[in-house]
Amino acid sequence: MNTIKVFAPATVANVVCGYDILGFAIDEPGDEIILSKNNSHQIAITKIEGDGGKLPKNPDKNVVSHVIRLFLKKINSDQGIDIELYKKMPLNSGMGSSAASSVAALVAINELMGAPFSRQELLPLAMEGERIACGNAHADNVAPALLGGLVLVRSYEPLDALRLPYPKDLSVVCVHPYVDVPTGEARKIIKERISLKSAVQQWGNIAGLVAGCCTNDLGLVGRSLEDVIIEPVRAMLIPYFYEMKQFALDSGAIGFGISGSGPSVFALCGNMEIAEVISQKIKELLSQKNIESESFVTKINEDGARVIS
């Protein structure tokens, strides 16, 4: 095999109450990458499309070439690689754009080089892509993009990420308002200290969310989709966040929150019909406020990154 094409999905990190430890993949959007072997012993980015010219083609500065270089070093290979990256999701959206690129690259190079590593073994390398992208090697985007489904990062030291069961009928609305909330800045405003009362409440919500997903109890899931630590701070960066949240809940959403660091928001719904209604209502609200947006109505992606050809 000399050439391979891989798709990696967008993700919703945190899932409201699980900051840096919970995330799920969605069917769309996502990124595609094509890797081809070359004889130059060099890594070259030959094409990037869909980024509006914002991403560097310099292989020393791009997360895709960075994780490929880490992979090749790990297997002691000097194989040359040409990279084509097709961004099919918005940048700086809170939907795991850099994670999708890193994961697509790693799954592709792993297959191209004979699949020496499992998906779990690729996870630390994908996290290094996040370190380059936003300064923090968190796994709540890359883990679900790699593994698919709903993922819990139980521990970072040592790394322990595992898939959780979830209600298969769940539908997801992701709405991306065209406003700028850089991930690094969104992380900086988070409080370094919280009260024990808030911590206990958050732990209860995380446990309730996991229990609700494992038992298909949508009522428990909905009650648990509450964040008393991160959302109150980050919501200030997202125009009309609470208005969007109220629209979603009044229209039948199980829960609503910020996708990753924002500005994208998401709603969990019991079916696609409710999801479509919520998508339309939120887009109409933002339009009335002169904010352009795009939305995705989708299911949770069960498989994570996949080889296309």
C-alpha atoms as a PDB file:
ATOM      1  CA  MET A   1       0.000   0.000   0.000  1.00  0.00           C
ATOM      2  CA  ASN A   2       1.421   3.379  -1.054  1.00  0.00           C
ATOM      3  CA  THR A   3      -1.581   5.696  -0.650  1.00  0.00           C
ATOM      4  CA  ILE A   4      -4.463   5.823   1.818  1.00  0.00           C
ATOM      5  CA  LYS A   5      -7.468   8.066   2.498  1.00  0.00           C
ATOM      6  CA  VAL A   6      -8.986   8.369   5.986  1.00  0.00           C
ATOM      7  CA  PHE A   7     -11.943  10.234   7.514  1.00  0.00           C
ATOM      8  CA  ALA A   8     -12.019  11.347  11.173  1.00  0.00           C
ATOM      9  CA  PRO A   9     -15.160  12.762  12.794  1.00  0.00           C
ATOM     10  CA  ALA A  10     -15.901  15.931  14.697  1.00  0.00           C
ATOM     11  CA  THR A  11     -16.431  15.518  18.423  1.00  0.00           C
ATOM     12  CA  VAL A  12     -18.298  17.069  21.328  1.00  0.00           C
ATOM     13  CA  ALA A  13     -15.950  17.354  24.291  1.00  0.00           C
ATOM     14  CA  ASN A  14     -16.881  17.732  27.961  1.00  0.00           C
ATOM     15  CA  VAL A  15     -20.541  16.722  27.417  1.00  0.00           C
ATOM     16  CA  VAL A  16     -21.525  19.585  29.724  1.00  0.00           C
ATOM     17  CA  CYS A  17     -20.325  18.324  33.119  1.00  0.00           C
ATOM     18  CA  GLY A  18     -17.286  16.197  32.209  1.00  0.00           C
ATOM     19  CA  TYR A  19     -14.577  18.789  31.614  1.00  0.00           C
ATOM     20  CA  ASP A  20     -11.568  17.148  29.907  1.00  0.00           C
ATOM     21  CA  ILE A  21     -12.843  13.637  30.720  1.00  0.00           C
ATOM     22  CA  LEU A  22     -15.937  13.038  28.548  1.00  0.00           C
ATOM     23  CA  GLY A  23     -16.523  13.320  24.812  1.00  0.00           C
ATOM     24  CA  PHE A  24     -18.401  11.708  21.959  1.00  0.00           C
ATOM     25  CA  ALA A  25     -17.906  11.520  18.211  1.00  0.00           C
ATOM     26  CA  ILE A  26     -20.590  12.549  15.713  1.00  0.00           C
ATOM     27  CA  ASP A  27     -21.276  11.317  12.190  1.00  0.00           C
ATOM     28  CA  GLU A  28     -20.664  14.711  10.600  1.00  0.00           C
ATOM     29  CA  PRO A  29     -18.780  16.902   9.924  1.00  0.00           C
ATOM     30  CA  GLY A  30     -15.177  15.658   9.870  1.00  0.00           C
ATOM     31  CA  ASP A  31     -11.802  15.854   8.142  1.00  0.00           C
ATOM     32  CA  GLU A  32     -10.287  13.749   5.383  1.00  0.00           C
ATOM     33  CA  ILE A  33      -6.619  13.120   4.780  1.00  0.00           C
ATOM     34  CA  ILE A  34      -4.679  11.411   1.999  1.00  0.00           C
ATOM     35  CA  LEU A  35      -1.180  10.124   2.718  1.00  0.00           C
ATOM     36  CA  SER A  36       1.204   8.871   0.051  1.00  0.00           C
ATOM     37  CA  LYS A  37       4.662   7.392   0.463  1.00  0.00           C
ATOM     38  CA  ASN A  38       7.530   9.233  -1.259  1.00  0.00           C
ATOM     39  CA  ASN A  39      11.213   8.460  -1.725  1.00  0.00           C
ATOM     40  CA  SER A  40      12.580  11.732  -0.348  1.00  0.00           C
ATOM     41  CA  HIS A  41      12.649  10.699   3.354  1.00  0.00           C
ATOM     42  CA  GLN A  42      10.834  13.994   3.999  1.00  0.00           C
ATOM     43  CA  ILE A  43       7.355  14.858   5.261  1.00  0.00           C
ATOM     44  CA  ALA A  44       5.677  17.341   2.919  1.00  0.00           C
ATOM     45  CA  ILE A  45       2.245  18.956   3.026  1.00  0.00           C
ATOM     46  CA  THR A  46       1.293  19.166  -0.638  1.00  0.00           C
ATOM     47  CA  LYS A  47      -2.293  20.393  -0.307  1.00  0.00           C
ATOM     48  CA  ILE A  48      -4.678  21.861   2.260  1.00  0.00           C
ATOM     49  CA  GLU A  49      -8.251  22.647   1.273  1.00  0.00           C
ATOM     50  CA  GLY A  50     -11.165  24.029   3.277  1.00  0.00           C
ATOM     51  CA  ASP A  51      -9.147  26.061   5.773  1.00  0.00           C
ATOM     52  CA  GLY A  52      -9.380  29.450   4.067  1.00  0.00           C
ATOM     53  CA  GLY A  53      -5.592  29.600   3.931  1.00  0.00           C
ATOM     54  CA  LYS A  54      -5.284  29.695   7.728  1.00  0.00           C
ATOM     55  CA  LEU A  55      -3.325  26.492   8.345  1.00  0.00           C
ATOM     56  CA  PRO A  56       0.444  26.364   7.801  1.00  0.00           C
ATOM     57  CA  LYS A  57       1.873  24.145   5.085  1.00  0.00           C
ATOM     58  CA  ASN A  58       5.210  24.226   6.842  1.00  0.00           C
ATOM     59  CA  PRO A  59       5.549  20.657   8.200  1.00  0.00           C
ATOM     60  CA  ASP A  60       7.292  21.994  11.292  1.00  0.00           C
ATOM     61  CA  LYS A  61       4.191  23.975  12.283  1.00  0.00           C
ATOM     62  CA  ASN A  62       1.214  21.790  11.346  1.00  0.00           C
ATOM     63  CA  VAL A  63      -0.335  19.288  13.781  1.00  0.00           C
ATOM     64  CA  VAL A  64      -0.814  16.709  11.030  1.00  0.00           C
ATOM     65  CA  SER A  65       2.842  16.525  10.047  1.00  0.00           C
ATOM     66  CA  HIS A  66       3.825  16.762  13.722  1.00  0.00           C
ATOM     67  CA  VAL A  67       1.954  13.607  14.756  1.00  0.00           C
ATOM     68  CA  ILE A  68       3.107  11.738  11.651  1.00  0.00           C
ATOM     69  CA  ARG A  69       6.695  12.622  12.517  1.00  0.00           C
ATOM     70  CA  LEU A  70       6.163  11.364  16.087  1.00  0.00           C
ATOM     71  CA  PHE A  71       4.714   8.123  14.748  1.00  0.00           C
ATOM     72  CA  LEU A  72       7.593   7.498  12.335  1.00  0.00           C
ATOM     73  CA  LYS A  73      10.113   8.236  15.069  1.00  0.00           C
ATOM     74  CA  LYS A  74       8.361   5.739  17.326  1.00  0.00           C
ATOM     75  CA  ILE A  75       8.784   2.970  14.740  1.00  0.00           C
ATOM     76  CA  ASN A  76      12.307   4.124  13.765  1.00  0.00           C
ATOM     77  CA  SER A  77      11.335   4.844  10.172  1.00  0.00           C
ATOM     78  CA  ASP A  78      12.597   7.522   7.788  1.00  0.00           C
ATOM     79  CA  GLN A  79       9.769   6.943   5.318  1.00  0.00           C
ATOM     80  CA  GLY A  80       8.887  10.048   3.308  1.00  0.00           C
ATOM     81  CA  ILE A  81       5.218  11.062   3.311  1.00  0.00           C
ATOM     82  CA  ASP A  82       3.173  13.467   1.189  1.00  0.00           C
ATOM     83  CA  ILE A  83       0.106  14.877   2.945  1.00  0.00           C
ATOM     84  CA  GLU A  84      -3.166  16.179   1.530  1.00  0.00           C
ATOM     85  CA  LEU A  85      -5.551  17.595   4.153  1.00  0.00           C
ATOM     86  CA  TYR A  86      -9.193  18.346   3.398  1.00  0.00           C
ATOM     87  CA  LYS A  87     -10.807  20.364   6.185  1.00  0.00           C
ATOM     88  CA  LYS A  88     -14.525  19.652   6.083  1.00  0.00           C
ATOM     89  CA  MET A  89     -15.379  21.225   9.399  1.00  0.00           C
ATOM     90  CA  PRO A  90     -14.990  24.736  10.820  1.00  0.00           C
ATOM     91  CA  LEU A  91     -11.744  25.793  12.484  1.00  0.00           C
ATOM     92  CA  ASN A  92     -11.777  27.016  16.100  1.00  0.00           C
ATOM     93  CA  SER A  93     -15.333  25.799  16.432  1.00  0.00           C
ATOM     94  CA  GLY A  94     -15.185  23.742  19.613  1.00  0.00           C
ATOM     95  CA  MET A  95     -15.972  20.626  17.563  1.00  0.00           C
ATOM     96  CA  GLY A  96     -12.506  19.095  17.650  1.00  0.00           C
ATOM     97  CA  SER A  97     -11.097  20.379  14.364  1.00  0.00           C
ATOM     98  CA  SER A  98      -7.440  19.861  15.285  1.00  0.00           C
ATOM     99  CA  ALA A  99      -8.281  16.512  16.885  1.00  0.00           C
ATOM    100  CA  ALA A 100      -9.964  15.254  13.724  1.00  0.00           C
ATOM    101  CA  SER A 101      -6.913  16.198  11.657  1.00  0.00           C
ATOM    102  CA  SER A 102      -4.481  14.556  14.071  1.00  0.00           C
ATOM    103  CA  VAL A 103      -6.542  11.399  14.373  1.00  0.00           C
ATOM    104  CA  ALA A 104      -7.058  11.077  10.624  1.00  0.00           C
ATOM    105  CA  ALA A 105      -3.310  11.456  10.104  1.00  0.00           C
ATOM    106  CA  LEU A 106      -2.409   8.844  12.719  1.00  0.00           C
ATOM    107  CA  VAL A 107      -4.933   6.261  11.582  1.00  0.00           C
ATOM    108  CA  ALA A 108      -3.732   6.788   8.006  1.00  0.00           C
ATOM    109  CA  ILE A 109      -0.003   6.515   8.736  1.00  0.00           C
ATOM    110  CA  ASN A 110      -0.594   3.518  11.014  1.00  0.00           C
ATOM    111  CA  GLU A 111      -2.415   1.647   8.233  1.00  0.00           C
ATOM    112  CA  LEU A 112       0.103   2.755   5.632  1.00  0.00           C
ATOM    113  CA  MET A 113       2.960   1.357   7.716  1.00  0.00           C
ATOM    114  CA  GLY A 114       1.352  -2.011   8.404  1.00  0.00           C
ATOM    115  CA  ALA A 115      -0.770  -1.182  11.491  1.00  0.00           C
ATOM    116  CA  PRO A 116       1.840  -1.688  14.224  1.00  0.00           C
ATOM    117  CA  PHE A 117      -0.334   0.025  16.855  1.00  0.00           C
ATOM    118  CA  SER A 118      -3.874  -0.312  18.171  1.00  0.00           C
ATOM    119  CA  ARG A 119      -6.200   2.685  18.361  1.00  0.00           C
ATOM    120  CA  GLN A 120      -5.540   2.882  22.111  1.00  0.00           C
ATOM    121  CA  GLU A 121      -1.797   2.962  21.461  1.00  0.00           C
ATOM    122  CA  LEU A 122      -2.234   5.849  19.010  1.00  0.00           C
ATOM    123  CA  LEU A 123      -4.037   7.975  21.613  1.00  0.00           C
ATOM    124  CA  PRO A 124      -0.946   9.482  23.322  1.00  0.00           C
ATOM    125  CA  LEU A 125       0.392  10.578  19.922  1.00  0.00           C
ATOM    126  CA  ALA A 126      -2.930  12.204  19.058  1.00  0.00           C
ATOM    127  CA  MET A 127      -2.834  14.068  22.355  1.00  0.00           C
ATOM    128  CA  GLU A 128       0.512  15.551  21.362  1.00  0.00           C
ATOM    129  CA  GLY A 129      -1.257  17.067  18.360  1.00  0.00           C
ATOM    130  CA  GLU A 130      -3.615  18.786  20.794  1.00  0.00           C
ATOM    131  CA  ARG A 131      -0.640  20.102  22.749  1.00  0.00           C
ATOM    132  CA  ILE A 132       0.622  21.796  19.590  1.00  0.00           C
ATOM    133  CA  ALA A 133      -2.842  23.087  18.649  1.00  0.00           C
ATOM    134  CA  CYS A 134      -3.940  24.608  21.951  1.00  0.00           C
ATOM    135  CA  GLY A 135      -1.170  24.132  24.496  1.00  0.00           C
ATOM    136  CA  ASN A 136      -2.819  21.291  26.415  1.00  0.00           C
ATOM    137  CA  ALA A 137      -2.626  17.561  25.674  1.00  0.00           C
ATOM    138  CA  HIS A 138      -6.233  16.754  26.563  1.00  0.00           C
ATOM    139  CA  ALA A 139      -7.934  13.616  25.238  1.00  0.00           C
ATOM    140  CA  ASP A 140     -11.657  14.414  25.309  1.00  0.00           C
ATOM    141  CA  ASN A 141     -11.682  15.159  21.557  1.00  0.00           C
ATOM    142  CA  VAL A 142      -9.028  12.803  20.194  1.00  0.00           C
ATOM    143  CA  ALA A 143     -10.183   9.772  22.187  1.00  0.00           C
ATOM    144  CA  PRO A 144     -13.736   9.675  20.763  1.00  0.00           C
ATOM    145  CA  ALA A 145     -12.451  10.586  17.290  1.00  0.00           C
ATOM    146  CA  LEU A 146     -10.134   7.561  17.481  1.00  0.00           C
ATOM    147  CA  LEU A 147     -12.334   5.087  19.334  1.00  0.00           C
ATOM    148  CA  GLY A 148     -15.830   6.216  18.357  1.00  0.00           C
ATOM    149  CA  GLY A 149     -18.898   6.513  20.562  1.00  0.00           C
ATOM    150  CA  LEU A 150     -18.936   8.054  24.030  1.00  0.00           C
ATOM    151  CA  VAL A 151     -15.568   7.999  25.795  1.00  0.00           C
ATOM    152  CA  LEU A 152     -14.548   8.515  29.407  1.00  0.00           C
ATOM    153  CA  VAL A 153     -10.957   9.514  30.169  1.00  0.00           C
ATOM    154  CA  ARG A 154     -10.751   7.967  33.626  1.00  0.00           C
ATOM    155  CA  SER A 155      -7.147   9.035  34.191  1.00  0.00           C
ATOM    156  CA  TYR A 156      -4.416  10.998  32.447  1.00  0.00           C
ATOM    157  CA  GLU A 157      -1.512   9.698  34.543  1.00  0.00           C
ATOM    158  CA  PRO A 158      -1.508   6.863  33.689  1.00  0.00           C
ATOM    159  CA  LEU A 159      -3.656   7.362  30.605  1.00  0.00           C
ATOM    160  CA  ASP A 160      -6.859   5.317  30.797  1.00  0.00           C
ATOM    161  CA  ALA A 161      -9.608   6.004  28.250  1.00  0.00           C
ATOM    162  CA  LEU A 162     -12.590   3.721  27.739  1.00  0.00           C
ATOM    163  CA  ARG A 163     -15.780   3.626  25.713  1.00  0.00           C
ATOM    164  CA  LEU A 164     -19.102   3.823  27.535  1.00  0.00           C
ATOM    165  CA  PRO A 165     -22.477   2.480  26.444  1.00  0.00           C
ATOM    166  CA  TYR A 166     -25.056   5.096  25.458  1.00  0.00           C
ATOM    167  CA  PRO A 167     -28.669   5.186  24.265  1.00  0.00           C
ATOM    168  CA  LYS A 168     -28.460   4.401  20.545  1.00  0.00           C
ATOM    169  CA  ASP A 169     -31.548   6.495  19.687  1.00  0.00           C
ATOM    170  CA  LEU A 170     -29.842   9.733  20.745  1.00  0.00           C
ATOM    171  CA  SER A 171     -29.625  12.450  18.125  1.00  0.00           C
ATOM    172  CA  VAL A 172     -27.329  15.444  18.284  1.00  0.00           C
ATOM    173  CA  VAL A 173     -27.632  19.046  17.139  1.00  0.00           C
ATOM    174  CA  CYS A 174     -24.405  21.022  16.840  1.00  0.00           C
ATOM    175  CA  VAL A 175     -24.702  24.702  15.975  1.00  0.00           C
ATOM    176  CA  HIS A 176     -21.609  26.716  15.163  1.00  0.00           C
ATOM    177  CA  PRO A 177     -22.138  30.496  15.448  1.00  0.00           C
ATOM    178  CA  TYR A 178     -19.613  32.473  13.425  1.00  0.00           C
ATOM    179  CA  VAL A 179     -17.993  34.131  16.414  1.00  0.00           C
ATOM    180  CA  ASP A 180     -14.412  33.741  17.585  1.00  0.00           C
ATOM    181  CA  VAL A 181     -13.641  31.885  20.825  1.00  0.00           C
ATOM    182  CA  PRO A 182     -10.050  30.552  20.645  1.00  0.00           C
ATOM    183  CA  THR A 183      -9.570  27.358  22.655  1.00  0.00           C
ATOM    184  CA  GLY A 184      -6.499  28.669  24.438  1.00  0.00           C
ATOM    185  CA  GLU A 185      -8.291  31.796  25.596  1.00  0.00           C
ATOM    186  CA  ALA A 186     -11.340  29.806  26.697  1.00  0.00           C
ATOM    187  CA  ARG A 187      -9.130  27.633  28.904  1.00  0.00           C
ATOM    188  CA  LYS A 188      -7.427  30.635  30.505  1.00  0.00           C
ATOM    189  CA  ILE A 189     -10.618  32.046  32.039  1.00  0.00           C
ATOM    190  CA  ILE A 190     -11.479  28.866  33.948  1.00  0.00           C
ATOM    191  CA  LYS A 191     -11.170  29.200  37.703  1.00  0.00           C
ATOM    192  CA  GLU A 192      -8.219  27.414  39.272  1.00  0.00           C
ATOM    193  CA  ARG A 193     -10.061  26.854  42.567  1.00  0.00           C
ATOM    194  CA  ILE A 194     -13.639  25.796  43.172  1.00  0.00           C
ATOM    195  CA  SER A 195     -15.704  25.216  46.297  1.00  0.00           C
ATOM    196  CA  LEU A 196     -16.166  21.737  47.700  1.00  0.00           C
ATOM    197  CA  LYS A 197     -19.925  22.212  47.315  1.00  0.00           C
ATOM    198  CA  SER A 198     -19.550  22.828  43.566  1.00  0.00           C
ATOM    199  CA  ALA A 199     -17.163  19.897  43.208  1.00  0.00           C
ATOM    200  CA  VAL A 200     -19.589  17.520  44.925  1.00  0.00           C
ATOM    201  CA  GLN A 201     -22.435  18.727  42.713  1.00  0.00           C
ATOM    202  CA  GLN A 202     -20.301  18.243  39.590  1.00  0.00           C
ATOM    203  CA  TRP A 203     -19.188  14.756  40.634  1.00  0.00           C
ATOM    204  CA  GLY A 204     -22.819  13.811  41.134  1.00  0.00           C
ATOM    205  CA  ASN A 205     -23.716  15.045  37.666  1.00  0.00           C
ATOM    206  CA  ILE A 206     -20.853  13.156  36.012  1.00  0.00           C
ATOM    207  CA  ALA A 207     -21.798   9.951  37.818  1.00  0.00           C
ATOM    208  CA  GLY A 208     -25.464  10.497  36.963  1.00  0.00           C
ATOM    209  CA  LEU A 209     -24.673  11.073  33.290  1.00  0.00           C
ATOM    210  CA  VAL A 210     -22.609   7.890  33.092  1.00  0.00           C
ATOM    211  CA  ALA A 211     -25.283   5.897  34.949  1.00  0.00           C
ATOM    212  CA  GLY A 212     -28.032   7.313  32.725  1.00  0.00           C
ATOM    213  CA  CYS A 213     -26.133   6.392  29.569  1.00  0.00           C
ATOM    214  CA  CYS A 214     -25.420   2.878  30.845  1.00  0.00           C
ATOM    215  CA  THR A 215     -29.073   2.247  31.775  1.00  0.00           C
ATOM    216  CA  ASN A 216     -30.771   4.117  28.902  1.00  0.00           C
ATOM    217  CA  ASP A 217     -32.412   6.449  31.431  1.00  0.00           C
ATOM    218  CA  LEU A 218     -32.877   9.649  29.411  1.00  0.00           C
ATOM    219  CA  GLY A 219     -34.465  11.412  32.357  1.00  0.00           C
ATOM    220  CA  LEU A 220     -31.344  10.830  34.436  1.00  0.00           C
ATOM    221  CA  VAL A 221     -29.161  11.907  31.504  1.00  0.00           C
ATOM    222  CA  GLY A 222     -31.112  15.144  31.230  1.00  0.00           C
ATOM    223  CA  ARG A 223     -30.949  15.890  34.969  1.00  0.00           C
ATOM    224  CA  SER A 224     -27.209  15.246  34.931  1.00  0.00           C
ATOM    225  CA  LEU A 225     -26.390  17.545  31.977  1.00  0.00           C
ATOM    226  CA  GLU A 226     -25.626  20.424  34.301  1.00  0.00           C
ATOM    227  CA  ASP A 227     -22.292  22.202  34.701  1.00  0.00           C
ATOM    228  CA  VAL A 228     -21.793  24.407  37.745  1.00  0.00           C
ATOM    229  CA  ILE A 229     -18.062  25.005  37.185  1.00  0.00           C
ATOM    230  CA  ILE A 230     -17.093  25.625  33.546  1.00  0.00           C
ATOM    231  CA  GLU A 231     -20.270  26.634  31.716  1.00  0.00           C
ATOM    232  CA  PRO A 232     -21.059  29.723  33.835  1.00  0.00           C
ATOM    233  CA  VAL A 233     -17.668  31.180  32.890  1.00  0.00           C
ATOM    234  CA  ARG A 234     -17.436  30.128  29.232  1.00  0.00           C
ATOM    235  CA  ALA A 235     -21.055  31.026  28.494  1.00  0.00           C
ATOM    236  CA  MET A 236     -20.066  34.684  28.767  1.00  0.00           C
ATOM    237  CA  LEU A 237     -17.965  34.263  25.601  1.00  0.00           C
ATOM    238  CA  ILE A 238     -20.870  32.882  23.546  1.00  0.00           C
ATOM    239  CA  PRO A 239     -23.509  35.427  22.488  1.00  0.00           C
ATOM    240  CA  TYR A 240     -27.086  34.490  23.454  1.00  0.00           C
ATOM    241  CA  PHE A 241     -26.009  31.196  24.983  1.00  0.00           C
ATOM    242  CA  TYR A 242     -28.792  31.055  27.555  1.00  0.00           C
ATOM    243  CA  GLU A 243     -31.417  32.078  25.007  1.00  0.00           C
ATOM    244  CA  MET A 244     -30.288  29.206  22.765  1.00  0.00           C
ATOM    245  CA  LYS A 245     -30.340  26.841  25.725  1.00  0.00           C
ATOM    246  CA  GLN A 246     -33.891  27.811  26.658  1.00  0.00           C
ATOM    247  CA  PHE A 247     -35.062  27.403  23.044  1.00  0.00           C
ATOM    248  CA  ALA A 248     -33.587  23.899  22.979  1.00  0.00           C
ATOM    249  CA  LEU A 249     -35.023  22.765  26.309  1.00  0.00           C
ATOM    250  CA  ASP A 250     -38.452  24.234  25.545  1.00  0.00           C
ATOM    251  CA  SER A 251     -38.404  22.348  22.231  1.00  0.00           C
ATOM    252  CA  GLY A 252     -37.794  18.978  23.862  1.00  0.00           C
ATOM    253  CA  ALA A 253     -34.013  18.634  24.141  1.00  0.00           C
ATOM    254  CA  ILE A 254     -32.750  16.206  26.766  1.00  0.00           C
ATOM    255  CA  GLY A 255     -29.914  18.610  27.540  1.00  0.00           C
ATOM    256  CA  PHE A 256     -27.923  21.486  26.090  1.00  0.00           C
ATOM    257  CA  GLY A 257     -24.403  22.818  26.508  1.00  0.00           C
ATOM    258  CA  ILE A 258     -21.189  24.154  25.048  1.00  0.00           C
ATOM    259  CA  SER A 259     -19.327  21.893  22.649  1.00  0.00           C
ATOM    260  CA  GLY A 260     -15.747  21.804  23.881  1.00  0.00           C
ATOM    261  CA  SER A 261     -14.518  25.342  24.457  1.00  0.00           C
ATOM    262  CA  GLY A 262     -17.152  26.827  22.125  1.00  0.00           C
ATOM    263  CA  PRO A 263     -18.455  28.794  20.383  1.00  0.00           C
ATOM    264  CA  SER A 264     -20.356  25.747  19.061  1.00  0.00           C
ATOM    265  CA  VAL A 265     -23.233  24.546  21.203  1.00  0.00           C
ATOM    266  CA  PHE A 266     -24.984  21.195  21.182  1.00  0.00           C
ATOM    267  CA  ALA A 267     -28.261  19.595  22.199  1.00  0.00           C
ATOM    268  CA  LEU A 268     -28.930  15.938  22.906  1.00  0.00           C
ATOM    269  CA  CYS A 269     -32.338  14.837  21.660  1.00  0.00           C
ATOM    270  CA  GLY A 270     -34.447  11.711  21.793  1.00  0.00           C
ATOM    271  CA  ASN A 271     -34.979  11.601  18.036  1.00  0.00           C
ATOM    272  CA  MET A 272     -34.013  13.281  14.771  1.00  0.00           C
ATOM    273  CA  GLU A 273     -37.328  15.151  14.437  1.00  0.00           C
ATOM    274  CA  ILE A 274     -36.782  17.081  17.661  1.00  0.00           C
ATOM    275  CA  ALA A 275     -33.163  17.686  16.671  1.00  0.00           C
ATOM    276  CA  GLU A 276     -34.219  19.208  13.337  1.00  0.00           C
ATOM    277  CA  VAL A 277     -36.689  21.565  15.047  1.00  0.00           C
ATOM    278  CA  ILE A 278     -34.076  22.723  17.558  1.00  0.00           C
ATOM    279  CA  SER A 279     -31.496  23.250  14.839  1.00  0.00           C
ATOM    280  CA  GLN A 280     -33.868  25.473  12.891  1.00  0.00           C
ATOM    281  CA  LYS A 281     -35.008  27.477  15.919  1.00  0.00           C
ATOM    282  CA  ILE A 282     -31.478  28.221  17.101  1.00  0.00           C
ATOM    283  CA  LYS A 283     -30.346  29.229  13.629  1.00  0.00           C
ATOM    284  CA  GLU A 284     -33.360  31.545  13.342  1.00  0.00           C
ATOM    285  CA  LEU A 285     -32.573  33.098  16.723  1.00  0.00           C
ATOM    286  CA  LEU A 286     -28.969  33.762  15.733  1.00  0.00           C
ATOM    287  CA  SER A 287     -30.046  35.151  12.376  1.00  0.00           C
ATOM    288  CA  GLN A 288     -32.352  37.605  14.137  1.00  0.00           C
ATOM    289  CA  LYS A 289     -29.320  38.728  16.163  1.00  0.00           C
ATOM    290  CA  ASN A 290     -27.300  39.169  12.928  1.00  0.00           C
ATOM    291  CA  ILE A 291     -25.048  36.202  13.696  1.00  0.00           C
ATOM    292  CA  GLU A 292     -24.414  33.757  10.868  1.00  0.00           C
ATOM    293  CA  SER A 293     -24.189  30.088  11.784  1.00  0.00           C
ATOM    294  CA  GLU A 294     -24.166  26.543  10.476  1.00  0.00           C
ATOM    295  CA  SER A 295     -25.718  23.509  12.064  1.00  0.00           C
ATOM    296  CA  PHE A 296     -25.333  19.743  11.914  1.00  0.00           C
ATOM    297  CA  VAL A 297     -28.054  17.278  12.856  1.00  0.00           C
ATOM    298  CA  THR A 298     -26.449  13.902  13.306  1.00  0.00           C
ATOM    299  CA  LYS A 299     -26.104  10.727  15.355  1.00  0.00           C
ATOM    300  CA  ILE A 300     -23.296   9.679  17.670  1.00  0.00           C
ATOM    301  CA  ASN A 301     -20.537   8.124  15.571  1.00  0.00           C
ATOM    302  CA  GLU A 302     -20.020   4.553  16.727  1.00  0.00           C
ATOM    303  CA  ASP A 303     -16.793   3.758  14.886  1.00  0.00           C
ATOM    304  CA  GLY A 304     -14.534   6.817  15.036  1.00  0.00           C
ATOM    305  CA  ALA A 305     -11.988   7.377  12.263  1.00  0.00           C
ATOM    306  CA  ARG A 306     -12.306   5.067   9.272  1.00  0.00           C
ATOM    307  CA  VAL A 307     -10.369   4.199   6.157  1.00  0.00           C
ATOM    308  CA  ILE A 308     -12.191   5.408   3.043  1.00  0.00           C
ATOM    309  CA  SER A 309      -9.874   3.946   0.425  1.00  0.00           C
END
